[in-house]
Each structure stands twice: as C-alpha cells, then as structure tokens.
Amino acid sequence: MAGVTDWSELVLDVAEDVPPGRATTYGLVSEAARARTGQGSARSVGAVMAREGGSVAWWRVVRADGSLPSHLAARAAEHYAAEGTPLRPGGAVDLTRALWDPVEELHA
C-alpha cells in the first residue's frame, strides 16, 4: 500500500486480529499499538482506518459508544448480520457483549 507507515501497519494488524462477531474501539487499538511503539492516539487510529482500512475488517473497529461514522453504518450492518455481532437498538455494536480487547491479547 502506498503511504503505509510502520504505525499504520501496526494499526491494521491489530484491526485484522479482531475476531468475527466481535469489535474493538479506536482507543483500544491505540493502546495496543502504543504498548509496542510508545506513540499514537485514537484519532490517529481513525485516520489510518479511514485512509487504509479497506483491506481489513474495518467494521470491527468502532467508536467508544459502539458506533461508526453514519456514512459507513449501512455497509457495516451487512457485515454485523453475517457475523452475528451483538447490536444495540439503533445499530451500534453492543460492546458489553462484543468487546475484544487487543491490550489483553498482548498479555495473554
């Protein structure tokens, strides 16, 4: 991918590790990446996902409230249905049931 940095590769690697039917947050991806590199933020994860996330299961990385930007919601809903991802009324991921924590995975 043109323009991919080590940071963005790490973000995409973490996103790719999220199991089907589960989700994580931009913040948790940032924490996992920061544990390895000492850099990054939830916003920078969002920027990487917006720019380069089309090659990974982007719908599995959501905001802290379980939602995605509204322009992605319909496309994500198809993936959530296919994977059996627990949702809240309104379509956001139910993170109480679906959360996958990449930081915990680092220590497993």
N, C-alpha and C. Protein backbone atom coordinates (compact mmCIF):
# COMPACT_ATOMS: atom_id res chain seq x y z
N MET A 1 0.83 -1.18 0.00
CA MET A 1 0.00 0.00 0.00
C MET A 1 0.87 1.24 0.00
N ALA A 2 0.57 2.15 -0.87
CA ALA A 2 1.33 3.39 -0.93
C ALA A 2 1.08 4.20 0.33
N GLY A 3 2.13 4.75 0.90
CA GLY A 3 2.00 5.62 2.05
C GLY A 3 1.81 4.91 3.38
N VAL A 4 1.90 3.60 3.43
CA VAL A 4 1.72 2.89 4.68
C VAL A 4 2.99 3.04 5.53
N THR A 5 2.81 3.41 6.79
CA THR A 5 3.93 3.55 7.72
C THR A 5 3.93 2.37 8.68
N ASP A 6 4.99 2.26 9.47
CA ASP A 6 5.03 1.21 10.49
C ASP A 6 3.85 1.34 11.43
N TRP A 7 3.52 2.60 11.81
CA TRP A 7 2.38 2.83 12.70
C TRP A 7 1.10 2.33 12.06
N SER A 8 0.86 2.70 10.82
CA SER A 8 -0.39 2.29 10.17
C SER A 8 -0.41 0.77 9.97
N GLU A 9 0.73 0.16 9.67
CA GLU A 9 0.77 -1.30 9.54
C GLU A 9 0.39 -1.96 10.86
N LEU A 10 0.88 -1.42 11.97
CA LEU A 10 0.55 -1.97 13.28
C LEU A 10 -0.94 -1.82 13.57
N VAL A 11 -1.50 -0.65 13.27
CA VAL A 11 -2.94 -0.43 13.46
C VAL A 11 -3.73 -1.44 12.63
N LEU A 12 -3.36 -1.61 11.37
CA LEU A 12 -4.07 -2.55 10.50
C LEU A 12 -3.90 -3.99 10.98
N ASP A 13 -2.74 -4.33 11.52
CA ASP A 13 -2.52 -5.67 12.07
C ASP A 13 -3.45 -5.93 13.25
N VAL A 14 -3.57 -4.94 14.15
CA VAL A 14 -4.46 -5.09 15.30
C VAL A 14 -5.90 -5.23 14.82
N ALA A 15 -6.31 -4.39 13.87
CA ALA A 15 -7.67 -4.45 13.35
C ALA A 15 -7.95 -5.81 12.72
N GLU A 16 -6.99 -6.35 12.03
CA GLU A 16 -7.16 -7.65 11.37
C GLU A 16 -7.30 -8.78 12.37
N ASP A 17 -6.77 -8.61 13.58
CA ASP A 17 -6.85 -9.65 14.61
C ASP A 17 -8.20 -9.74 15.30
N VAL A 18 -9.06 -8.72 15.14
CA VAL A 18 -10.37 -8.74 15.80
C VAL A 18 -11.18 -9.90 15.23
N PRO A 19 -11.65 -10.81 16.09
CA PRO A 19 -12.38 -11.97 15.58
C PRO A 19 -13.75 -11.60 15.00
N PRO A 20 -14.25 -12.37 14.06
CA PRO A 20 -15.61 -12.14 13.53
C PRO A 20 -16.63 -12.16 14.67
N GLY A 21 -17.59 -11.26 14.57
CA GLY A 21 -18.64 -11.17 15.57
C GLY A 21 -18.26 -10.37 16.80
N ARG A 22 -17.05 -9.84 16.80
CA ARG A 22 -16.55 -9.05 17.92
C ARG A 22 -16.16 -7.68 17.40
N ALA A 23 -15.87 -6.76 18.30
CA ALA A 23 -15.44 -5.42 17.92
C ALA A 23 -14.50 -4.87 18.97
N THR A 24 -13.73 -3.89 18.58
CA THR A 24 -12.88 -3.16 19.50
C THR A 24 -13.04 -1.68 19.18
N THR A 25 -12.40 -0.86 19.97
CA THR A 25 -12.54 0.59 19.77
C THR A 25 -11.25 1.19 19.23
N TYR A 26 -11.40 2.37 18.65
CA TYR A 26 -10.23 3.11 18.19
C TYR A 26 -9.25 3.31 19.34
N GLY A 27 -9.78 3.61 20.52
CA GLY A 27 -8.93 3.83 21.69
C GLY A 27 -8.16 2.59 22.11
N LEU A 28 -8.81 1.44 22.09
CA LEU A 28 -8.12 0.20 22.47
C LEU A 28 -7.08 -0.20 21.44
N VAL A 29 -7.37 0.03 20.17
CA VAL A 29 -6.35 -0.23 19.14
C VAL A 29 -5.15 0.68 19.39
N SER A 30 -5.42 1.93 19.71
CA SER A 30 -4.35 2.87 20.01
C SER A 30 -3.53 2.41 21.20
N GLU A 31 -4.18 1.96 22.28
CA GLU A 31 -3.45 1.48 23.45
C GLU A 31 -2.56 0.29 23.10
N ALA A 32 -3.09 -0.64 22.32
CA ALA A 32 -2.31 -1.82 21.93
C ALA A 32 -1.11 -1.41 21.09
N ALA A 33 -1.32 -0.49 20.16
CA ALA A 33 -0.22 -0.03 19.31
C ALA A 33 0.79 0.77 20.12
N ARG A 34 0.29 1.59 21.05
CA ARG A 34 1.18 2.39 21.90
C ARG A 34 2.04 1.50 22.78
N ALA A 35 1.49 0.36 23.21
CA ALA A 35 2.27 -0.56 24.04
C ALA A 35 3.49 -1.08 23.28
N ARG A 36 3.40 -1.12 21.97
CA ARG A 36 4.51 -1.62 21.15
C ARG A 36 5.42 -0.51 20.64
N THR A 37 4.86 0.69 20.46
CA THR A 37 5.63 1.75 19.82
C THR A 37 5.82 2.99 20.68
N GLY A 38 4.97 3.17 21.70
CA GLY A 38 5.04 4.37 22.51
C GLY A 38 4.41 5.58 21.86
N GLN A 39 3.71 5.40 20.75
CA GLN A 39 3.11 6.54 20.06
C GLN A 39 1.68 6.21 19.63
N GLY A 40 0.96 7.26 19.26
CA GLY A 40 -0.36 7.08 18.68
C GLY A 40 -1.49 7.55 19.56
N SER A 41 -2.65 7.67 18.95
CA SER A 41 -3.87 8.11 19.63
C SER A 41 -5.07 7.50 18.93
N ALA A 42 -6.21 7.58 19.58
CA ALA A 42 -7.44 7.08 18.97
C ALA A 42 -7.72 7.81 17.65
N ARG A 43 -7.46 9.10 17.62
CA ARG A 43 -7.68 9.85 16.37
C ARG A 43 -6.76 9.38 15.25
N SER A 44 -5.53 9.06 15.59
CA SER A 44 -4.62 8.58 14.55
C SER A 44 -5.04 7.20 14.07
N VAL A 45 -5.62 6.38 14.95
CA VAL A 45 -6.17 5.09 14.52
C VAL A 45 -7.31 5.34 13.54
N GLY A 46 -8.19 6.27 13.88
CA GLY A 46 -9.30 6.61 12.98
C GLY A 46 -8.80 7.08 11.63
N ALA A 47 -7.74 7.87 11.62
CA ALA A 47 -7.19 8.36 10.36
C ALA A 47 -6.63 7.21 9.53
N VAL A 48 -5.92 6.28 10.17
CA VAL A 48 -5.39 5.12 9.45
C VAL A 48 -6.54 4.29 8.89
N MET A 49 -7.55 4.05 9.71
CA MET A 49 -8.68 3.23 9.26
C MET A 49 -9.39 3.91 8.09
N ALA A 50 -9.54 5.22 8.13
CA ALA A 50 -10.20 5.94 7.05
C ALA A 50 -9.39 5.89 5.76
N ARG A 51 -8.09 6.01 5.87
CA ARG A 51 -7.21 6.05 4.71
C ARG A 51 -6.91 4.67 4.14
N GLU A 52 -6.65 3.71 5.04
CA GLU A 52 -6.07 2.44 4.60
C GLU A 52 -6.83 1.21 5.09
N GLY A 53 -7.92 1.40 5.81
CA GLY A 53 -8.61 0.29 6.45
C GLY A 53 -9.46 -0.57 5.55
N GLY A 54 -9.56 -0.23 4.28
CA GLY A 54 -10.39 -1.02 3.37
C GLY A 54 -9.91 -2.44 3.17
N SER A 55 -8.66 -2.71 3.50
CA SER A 55 -8.11 -4.05 3.30
C SER A 55 -8.32 -4.97 4.50
N VAL A 56 -8.86 -4.43 5.60
CA VAL A 56 -9.11 -5.22 6.80
C VAL A 56 -10.59 -5.13 7.17
N ALA A 57 -10.98 -5.85 8.19
CA ALA A 57 -12.37 -5.83 8.65
C ALA A 57 -12.63 -4.53 9.44
N TRP A 58 -12.71 -3.43 8.73
CA TRP A 58 -12.82 -2.09 9.30
C TRP A 58 -14.04 -1.93 10.20
N TRP A 59 -15.12 -2.67 9.93
CA TRP A 59 -16.36 -2.54 10.70
C TRP A 59 -16.20 -3.07 12.12
N ARG A 60 -15.11 -3.76 12.40
CA ARG A 60 -14.86 -4.29 13.74
C ARG A 60 -14.14 -3.30 14.64
N VAL A 61 -13.77 -2.14 14.12
CA VAL A 61 -13.14 -1.09 14.92
C VAL A 61 -14.11 0.09 14.95
N VAL A 62 -14.62 0.37 16.14
CA VAL A 62 -15.72 1.33 16.30
C VAL A 62 -15.36 2.40 17.33
N ARG A 63 -16.22 3.40 17.40
CA ARG A 63 -16.10 4.43 18.43
C ARG A 63 -16.36 3.81 19.80
N ALA A 64 -16.03 4.53 20.85
CA ALA A 64 -16.22 4.04 22.21
C ALA A 64 -17.68 3.75 22.54
N ASP A 65 -18.62 4.36 21.81
CA ASP A 65 -20.04 4.09 22.03
C ASP A 65 -20.56 2.95 21.15
N GLY A 66 -19.67 2.30 20.40
CA GLY A 66 -20.06 1.17 19.55
C GLY A 66 -20.49 1.55 18.16
N SER A 67 -20.45 2.82 17.83
CA SER A 67 -20.92 3.26 16.52
C SER A 67 -19.78 3.50 15.55
N LEU A 68 -20.15 3.62 14.31
CA LEU A 68 -19.24 4.02 13.23
C LEU A 68 -19.75 5.33 12.66
N PRO A 69 -18.94 6.02 11.87
CA PRO A 69 -19.48 7.20 11.19
C PRO A 69 -20.73 6.82 10.40
N SER A 70 -21.71 7.71 10.37
CA SER A 70 -23.01 7.39 9.78
C SER A 70 -22.91 6.94 8.32
N HIS A 71 -21.94 7.43 7.58
CA HIS A 71 -21.83 7.04 6.17
C HIS A 71 -21.38 5.58 6.00
N LEU A 72 -20.92 4.95 7.07
CA LEU A 72 -20.49 3.55 7.00
C LEU A 72 -21.50 2.57 7.61
N ALA A 73 -22.51 3.09 8.28
CA ALA A 73 -23.42 2.26 9.06
C ALA A 73 -24.13 1.18 8.24
N ALA A 74 -24.63 1.53 7.08
CA ALA A 74 -25.37 0.55 6.27
C ALA A 74 -24.46 -0.57 5.79
N ARG A 75 -23.26 -0.23 5.34
CA ARG A 75 -22.32 -1.26 4.90
C ARG A 75 -21.89 -2.14 6.06
N ALA A 76 -21.68 -1.53 7.22
CA ALA A 76 -21.27 -2.29 8.40
C ALA A 76 -22.39 -3.23 8.85
N ALA A 77 -23.63 -2.78 8.76
CA ALA A 77 -24.77 -3.60 9.21
C ALA A 77 -24.81 -4.95 8.49
N GLU A 78 -24.46 -4.96 7.21
CA GLU A 78 -24.42 -6.22 6.46
C GLU A 78 -23.38 -7.17 7.04
N HIS A 79 -22.22 -6.63 7.39
CA HIS A 79 -21.16 -7.44 7.98
C HIS A 79 -21.57 -7.93 9.37
N TYR A 80 -22.18 -7.05 10.16
CA TYR A 80 -22.60 -7.43 11.50
C TYR A 80 -23.61 -8.57 11.45
N ALA A 81 -24.55 -8.48 10.53
CA ALA A 81 -25.56 -9.53 10.40
C ALA A 81 -24.92 -10.85 9.99
N ALA A 82 -24.00 -10.80 9.05
CA ALA A 82 -23.33 -12.01 8.57
C ALA A 82 -22.49 -12.66 9.66
N GLU A 83 -21.91 -11.85 10.55
CA GLU A 83 -21.03 -12.37 11.59
C GLU A 83 -21.75 -12.62 12.91
N GLY A 84 -23.00 -12.20 13.02
CA GLY A 84 -23.72 -12.37 14.28
C GLY A 84 -23.22 -11.46 15.39
N THR A 85 -22.77 -10.28 15.03
CA THR A 85 -22.27 -9.31 16.01
C THR A 85 -23.42 -8.77 16.84
N PRO A 86 -23.33 -8.82 18.17
CA PRO A 86 -24.40 -8.27 19.01
C PRO A 86 -24.52 -6.75 18.81
N LEU A 87 -25.74 -6.31 18.57
CA LEU A 87 -26.00 -4.89 18.35
C LEU A 87 -26.99 -4.35 19.37
N ARG A 88 -26.94 -3.05 19.59
CA ARG A 88 -27.92 -2.36 20.40
C ARG A 88 -29.02 -1.83 19.49
N PRO A 89 -30.19 -1.52 20.03
CA PRO A 89 -31.20 -0.87 19.20
C PRO A 89 -30.59 0.39 18.57
N GLY A 90 -30.80 0.58 17.31
CA GLY A 90 -30.20 1.70 16.60
C GLY A 90 -29.00 1.28 15.76
N GLY A 91 -28.49 0.08 15.98
CA GLY A 91 -27.46 -0.46 15.11
C GLY A 91 -26.03 -0.39 15.60
N ALA A 92 -25.76 0.28 16.72
CA ALA A 92 -24.39 0.32 17.23
C ALA A 92 -24.04 -1.05 17.82
N VAL A 93 -22.77 -1.38 17.79
CA VAL A 93 -22.30 -2.63 18.38
C VAL A 93 -22.51 -2.58 19.89
N ASP A 94 -23.01 -3.67 20.44
CA ASP A 94 -23.18 -3.79 21.89
C ASP A 94 -21.83 -4.22 22.46
N LEU A 95 -21.06 -3.26 22.89
CA LEU A 95 -19.71 -3.56 23.36
C LEU A 95 -19.69 -4.31 24.69
N THR A 96 -20.80 -4.32 25.42
CA THR A 96 -20.82 -5.13 26.64
C THR A 96 -20.77 -6.61 26.31
N ARG A 97 -21.23 -6.98 25.12
CA ARG A 97 -21.21 -8.39 24.70
C ARG A 97 -20.20 -8.69 23.62
N ALA A 98 -19.79 -7.71 22.85
CA ALA A 98 -18.95 -7.97 21.68
C ALA A 98 -17.50 -7.50 21.81
N LEU A 99 -17.16 -6.84 22.92
CA LEU A 99 -15.84 -6.23 23.01
C LEU A 99 -14.71 -7.25 22.97
N TRP A 100 -13.74 -6.98 22.12
CA TRP A 100 -12.48 -7.73 22.06
C TRP A 100 -11.39 -6.73 22.40
N ASP A 101 -10.61 -7.03 23.42
CA ASP A 101 -9.60 -6.09 23.91
C ASP A 101 -8.21 -6.50 23.44
N PRO A 102 -7.64 -5.77 22.48
CA PRO A 102 -6.32 -6.14 21.97
C PRO A 102 -5.21 -5.96 23.01
N VAL A 103 -5.43 -5.11 24.01
CA VAL A 103 -4.43 -4.93 25.05
C VAL A 103 -4.33 -6.21 25.88
N GLU A 104 -5.47 -6.78 26.23
CA GLU A 104 -5.48 -8.06 26.96
C GLU A 104 -4.81 -9.16 26.13
N GLU A 105 -5.02 -9.14 24.83
CA GLU A 105 -4.42 -10.15 23.96
C GLU A 105 -2.90 -10.07 23.96
N LEU A 106 -2.36 -8.86 24.15
CA LEU A 106 -0.91 -8.70 24.21
C LEU A 106 -0.33 -9.44 25.42
N HIS A 107 -1.13 -9.52 26.49
CA HIS A 107 -0.65 -10.11 27.75
C HIS A 107 -1.09 -11.56 27.92
N ALA A 108 -1.82 -12.08 26.93
CA ALA A 108 -2.31 -13.46 27.05
C ALA A 108 -1.23 -14.46 26.71
